[in-house]
Protein backbone atom coordinates (compact mmCIF):
# COMPACT_ATOMS: atom_id res chain seq x y z
CA MET A 1 116.16 189.29 48.02
CA ARG A 2 114.23 186.13 48.40
CA ARG A 3 115.86 183.26 50.20
CA LYS A 4 116.23 180.10 48.26
CA VAL A 5 114.31 177.28 49.84
CA LYS A 6 116.10 173.98 49.66
CA LYS A 7 113.99 171.30 48.18
CA GLN A 8 113.85 168.19 50.36
CA ARG A 9 114.49 164.96 48.61
CA PRO A 10 111.53 162.65 48.68
CA GLN A 11 111.91 159.78 51.13
CA PRO A 12 111.92 156.34 49.49
CA LYS A 13 108.82 154.29 50.14
CA GLY A 14 108.96 150.94 51.93
CA ALA A 15 111.23 149.50 54.61
CA PRO A 16 114.77 150.77 55.11
CA LYS A 17 117.53 149.03 53.17
CA TRP A 18 119.10 147.60 56.31
CA MET A 19 115.99 145.54 56.88
CA VAL A 20 116.86 143.40 53.85
CA THR A 21 120.18 142.41 55.35
CA TYR A 22 118.56 141.87 58.74
CA SER A 23 115.86 139.63 57.33
CA ASP A 24 118.46 137.54 55.49
CA MET A 25 120.40 137.10 58.71
CA ILE A 26 117.26 136.12 60.64
CA THR A 27 116.38 133.62 57.92
CA LEU A 28 119.82 132.05 58.12
CA VAL A 29 119.66 131.87 61.90
CA LEU A 30 116.23 130.25 61.69
CA VAL A 31 117.52 127.69 59.20
CA PHE A 32 120.49 127.01 61.47
CA PHE A 33 118.29 126.29 64.49
CA ILE A 34 115.95 124.16 62.42
CA LEU A 35 118.98 122.18 61.34
CA LEU A 36 120.13 121.74 64.94
CA PHE A 37 116.67 120.68 66.04
CA THR A 38 116.41 118.16 63.23
CA MET A 39 119.83 116.68 64.05
CA SER A 40 118.87 116.36 67.71
CA GLN A 41 115.95 114.09 66.78
CA ILE A 42 118.24 111.60 65.00
CA ASP A 43 115.54 110.84 62.45
CA ALA A 44 116.74 109.71 59.03
CA GLU A 45 113.54 110.83 57.30
CA LYS A 46 113.82 114.34 58.73
CA PHE A 47 117.47 114.51 57.64
CA LYS A 48 116.42 113.73 54.09
CA GLU A 49 113.67 116.35 54.15
CA VAL A 50 116.03 119.03 55.45
CA ALA A 51 118.68 118.10 52.89
CA LEU A 52 116.17 118.37 50.04
CA SER A 53 114.89 121.73 51.28
CA LEU A 54 118.41 123.16 51.50
CA ARG A 55 119.58 122.04 48.07
CA SER A 56 117.73 124.97 46.47
CA ASN A 57 119.81 127.51 48.46
CA SER A 58 123.26 128.30 47.04
CA ILE A 59 124.55 129.25 50.46
CA PHE A 60 124.26 125.63 51.67
CA ASP A 61 125.50 123.82 48.58
CA SER A 62 127.94 121.82 50.69
CA MET A 63 125.37 120.77 53.30
CA PRO A 64 123.50 118.00 51.42
CA ALA A 65 126.63 115.92 51.16
CA ILE A 66 127.07 116.17 54.91
CA MET A 67 123.45 115.29 55.50
CA GLU A 68 123.58 112.28 53.20
CA GLU A 69 126.78 111.04 54.76
CA GLN A 70 125.27 111.35 58.22
CA THR A 71 122.17 109.50 57.04
CA ILE A 72 124.26 106.65 55.67
CA VAL A 73 126.06 106.32 58.97
CA ASP A 74 122.78 106.22 60.88
CA ASP A 75 121.33 103.62 58.52
CA SER A 76 124.43 101.48 58.90
CA SER A 77 124.20 101.75 62.66
CA THR A 78 120.58 100.66 62.51
CA ASP A 79 121.46 97.67 60.34
CA ILE A 80 124.27 96.65 62.67
CA THR A 81 121.94 96.94 65.66
CA ASP A 82 119.31 94.84 63.92
CA ILE A 83 121.91 92.20 63.08
CA GLN A 84 123.13 92.12 66.67
CA GLN A 85 119.59 91.83 68.00
CA GLY A 86 118.86 89.06 65.52
CA ASN A 87 121.95 87.16 66.59
CA ASN A 88 121.03 87.59 70.26
CA GLN A 89 117.50 86.31 69.61
CA ASN A 90 118.84 83.32 67.71
CA ASP A 91 121.27 82.54 70.51
CA THR A 92 118.49 82.82 73.10
CA GLN A 93 116.21 80.56 71.06
CA ASN A 94 118.97 77.98 70.65
CA ILE A 95 119.64 78.00 74.39
CA MET A 96 115.92 77.54 75.16
CA GLU A 97 115.67 74.67 72.69
CA ASP A 98 118.71 73.01 74.23
CA ASN A 99 117.19 73.40 77.70
CA ASN A 100 113.90 71.92 76.51
CA LEU A 101 115.70 68.97 74.97
CA ASP A 102 117.61 68.46 78.19
CA SER A 103 114.41 68.61 80.26
CA VAL A 104 112.57 65.93 78.27
CA PRO A 105 114.69 63.04 79.53
CA ASP A 106 114.42 64.41 83.07
CA LYS A 107 110.60 64.40 82.93
CA ASN A 108 110.55 60.92 81.46
CA ASP A 109 112.93 59.72 84.16
CA THR A 110 110.73 61.29 86.85
CA ILE A 111 107.57 59.62 85.50
CA ARG A 112 109.37 56.28 85.29
CA GLU A 113 110.69 56.63 88.85
CA ASP A 114 107.22 57.55 90.19
CA LYS A 115 105.69 54.54 88.47
CA GLU A 116 108.34 52.23 89.89
CA THR A 117 107.82 53.72 93.36
CA LEU A 118 104.06 53.14 93.20
CA ASP A 119 104.57 49.60 91.93
CA GLU A 120 106.91 48.88 94.83
CA LEU A 121 104.43 50.40 97.29
CA LEU A 122 101.58 48.30 95.87
CA ALA A 123 103.71 45.16 96.15
CA GLU A 124 104.45 45.97 99.80
CA VAL A 125 100.76 46.58 100.54
CA GLU A 126 99.65 43.36 98.84
CA SER A 127 102.31 41.41 100.71
CA TYR A 128 101.13 42.96 103.99
CA LEU A 129 97.50 42.08 103.23
CA ASP A 130 98.47 38.49 102.43
CA LYS A 131 100.45 38.03 105.63
CA ASN A 132 97.65 39.47 107.76
CA GLU A 133 94.86 37.62 105.91
CA LEU A 134 93.08 40.82 104.92
CA ASN A 135 92.50 40.10 101.23
CA ASN A 136 88.92 39.01 101.85
CA VAL A 137 88.20 42.33 103.58
CA ILE A 138 90.46 44.87 101.88
CA SER A 139 91.38 45.12 98.21
CA ALA A 140 94.38 47.09 96.93
CA THR A 141 94.79 48.79 93.56
CA ARG A 142 97.15 51.36 92.10
CA THR A 143 96.13 54.61 90.43
CA ASP A 144 98.06 57.63 89.20
CA GLN A 145 97.58 59.17 92.65
CA GLY A 146 98.85 56.27 94.70
CA VAL A 147 97.83 52.94 96.21
CA VAL A 148 94.12 52.61 97.09
CA LEU A 149 92.81 50.36 99.88
CA VAL A 150 89.07 49.68 99.49
CA LEU A 151 86.93 48.69 102.50
CA GLN A 152 83.23 47.96 101.98
CA GLU A 153 80.61 49.60 104.14
CA ASN A 154 79.39 46.38 105.78
CA VAL A 155 82.86 45.86 107.26
CA LEU A 156 83.06 49.30 108.88
CA PHE A 157 79.59 50.73 109.55
CA GLU A 158 75.95 50.00 110.10
CA SER A 159 73.69 51.08 107.25
CA GLY A 160 73.16 54.85 107.34
CA GLU A 161 75.62 55.29 110.25
CA ALA A 162 79.14 56.73 110.55
CA GLU A 163 80.40 55.15 113.79
CA VAL A 164 83.15 52.55 113.31
CA LEU A 165 81.98 49.07 114.35
CA ASP A 166 84.00 47.18 116.96
CA PRO A 167 84.65 44.19 114.62
CA ALA A 168 86.17 46.63 112.10
CA LYS A 169 88.71 48.09 114.51
CA PRO A 170 91.26 45.21 114.24
CA PHE A 171 91.31 45.72 110.46
CA LEU A 172 91.90 49.45 110.88
CA ASP A 173 94.64 48.68 113.43
CA LYS A 174 96.46 46.62 110.81
CA VAL A 175 96.00 49.37 108.22
CA SER A 176 97.42 51.82 110.77
CA THR A 177 100.46 49.58 111.21
CA LEU A 178 100.96 49.65 107.45
CA ILE A 179 100.67 53.45 107.37
CA SER A 180 103.09 53.82 110.27
CA ASN A 181 105.82 52.15 108.21
CA ILE A 182 105.65 54.76 105.44
CA SER A 183 105.78 58.56 105.35
CA ASN A 184 103.24 59.18 102.59
CA GLN A 185 100.19 61.36 103.05
CA VAL A 186 96.89 59.51 103.37
CA ARG A 187 93.53 60.60 101.99
CA VAL A 188 90.43 58.82 103.29
CA GLU A 189 87.44 59.02 100.94
CA GLY A 190 83.82 58.24 101.80
CA HIS A 191 81.46 56.98 99.06
CA THR A 192 77.75 56.06 99.06
CA ASP A 193 75.19 54.66 96.64
CA ASN A 194 72.61 56.90 95.00
CA ARG A 195 69.74 56.14 97.36
CA PRO A 196 68.90 59.35 99.22
CA ILE A 197 69.24 59.74 102.95
CA SER A 198 67.67 62.49 105.02
CA ASN A 199 67.73 62.72 108.80
CA TYR A 200 68.80 65.18 111.45
CA ARG A 201 72.41 63.89 111.42
CA PHE A 202 72.90 63.40 107.70
CA PRO A 203 70.71 65.60 105.49
CA SER A 204 72.24 64.00 102.38
CA ASN A 205 74.81 61.48 101.19
CA TRP A 206 77.43 64.24 101.20
CA GLU A 207 77.32 64.52 104.98
CA LEU A 208 77.22 60.74 105.44
CA SER A 209 80.23 60.08 103.20
CA ALA A 210 82.28 62.88 104.78
CA ALA A 211 81.38 61.70 108.31
CA ARG A 212 82.49 58.13 107.55
CA ALA A 213 85.84 59.31 106.18
CA SER A 214 86.35 61.48 109.26
CA SER A 215 85.44 58.61 111.61
CA VAL A 216 88.10 56.35 110.10
CA ILE A 217 90.75 59.06 110.48
CA ARG A 218 89.69 59.87 114.05
CA TYR A 219 90.00 56.23 115.07
CA MET A 220 93.47 55.84 113.56
CA LEU A 221 94.67 59.07 115.17
CA ALA A 222 93.25 58.06 118.54
CA THR A 223 95.01 54.69 118.53
CA ASN A 224 98.32 55.75 116.97
CA ASP A 225 100.88 58.51 117.27
CA PHE A 226 100.30 59.91 113.78
CA ASP A 227 100.93 63.43 112.57
CA GLU A 228 97.45 64.81 111.88
CA SER A 229 98.73 66.83 108.91
CA ARG A 230 99.32 63.59 106.99
CA PHE A 231 95.59 62.87 106.74
CA ILE A 232 92.87 64.28 104.49
CA ALA A 233 89.14 63.46 104.84
CA THR A 234 86.96 63.73 101.74
CA GLY A 235 83.29 62.93 101.13
CA PHE A 236 82.21 62.24 97.55
CA GLY A 237 78.63 61.18 98.22
CA ASP A 238 77.30 59.13 95.31
CA THR A 239 79.28 61.01 92.62
CA ARG A 240 81.94 58.33 92.03
CA PRO A 241 80.28 54.93 91.77
CA VAL A 242 82.34 51.89 90.80
CA ALA A 243 79.24 50.09 89.47
CA PRO A 244 75.87 51.19 88.10
CA ASN A 245 73.34 51.82 90.85
CA THR A 246 70.90 49.30 89.42
CA SER A 247 70.93 46.45 91.94
CA ALA A 248 71.47 45.65 95.59
CA GLU A 249 74.81 44.06 94.79
CA ASN A 250 76.03 47.19 93.00
CA TRP A 251 74.73 49.43 95.77
CA SER A 252 76.88 47.44 98.18
CA LYS A 253 79.95 47.93 95.97
CA ASN A 254 79.43 51.68 95.82
CA ARG A 255 79.05 52.03 99.60
CA ARG A 256 82.72 51.99 100.55
CA VAL A 257 85.63 53.79 102.17
CA GLU A 258 88.85 54.21 100.20
CA ILE A 259 92.16 54.81 101.97
CA VAL A 260 94.49 56.34 99.40
CA ILE A 261 98.20 56.17 100.20
CA LEU A 262 99.28 59.09 98.07
CA GLU A 263 102.38 59.19 95.95
CA GLN A 264 104.99 61.31 97.73
CA GLU A 265 104.39 64.49 95.68
CA GLU A 266 100.61 64.04 95.47
CA ILE A 267 98.57 66.36 97.71
């Protein structure tokens, strides 16, 4: 007898059936992690995109409502934060405006006090010059920097020289007495006319003007117990004339030494 050969059933083509369930599970897990990642970014626009993409899936029908509610809460929080920041900025601006308004009177008061101080100092200097009969030698004026004492060149120096003349020393002694009674800083400025000078000692008017200012300071320091840090020597050459350099008379006016008693805060 022939044995019956069992016919084998043909194997179905394609992936096994369990792969369908597995792929669905993997898809759901992927969607779940995408959702977690999106929530971790706290981005309202991404929430909306995820909500729209999930509305087409029946499994997550309840999720869009949750997403929208979360989005509303985030938007409200943003609005509240913006309002709080706006209020803080307004408060800060109001405080700054109040401070500026408060500072205006203070600045005006300071300017007024400085002006009164300089006026008082000028009055004291003029009174001192009157008592010591120095008005024909020294003139006093007031500027924004302080009180300026002007001494012409012919009183202090020989033409083209920077050594203090002996007849000028009594005048400088009286100026030193005036300076000793105040605590202001003193700047001594040398000025020349525009006629050039050129020799081995003074190659130009810059050197001559600076040397004359330094000579005046050296004499006052040598004859008085002054603090050297109070004094400043400056040479301006012919850059600051008080009259046009067009005549001998004007040249004489421009050749001068100015002793500036500085306002207390002026350096």
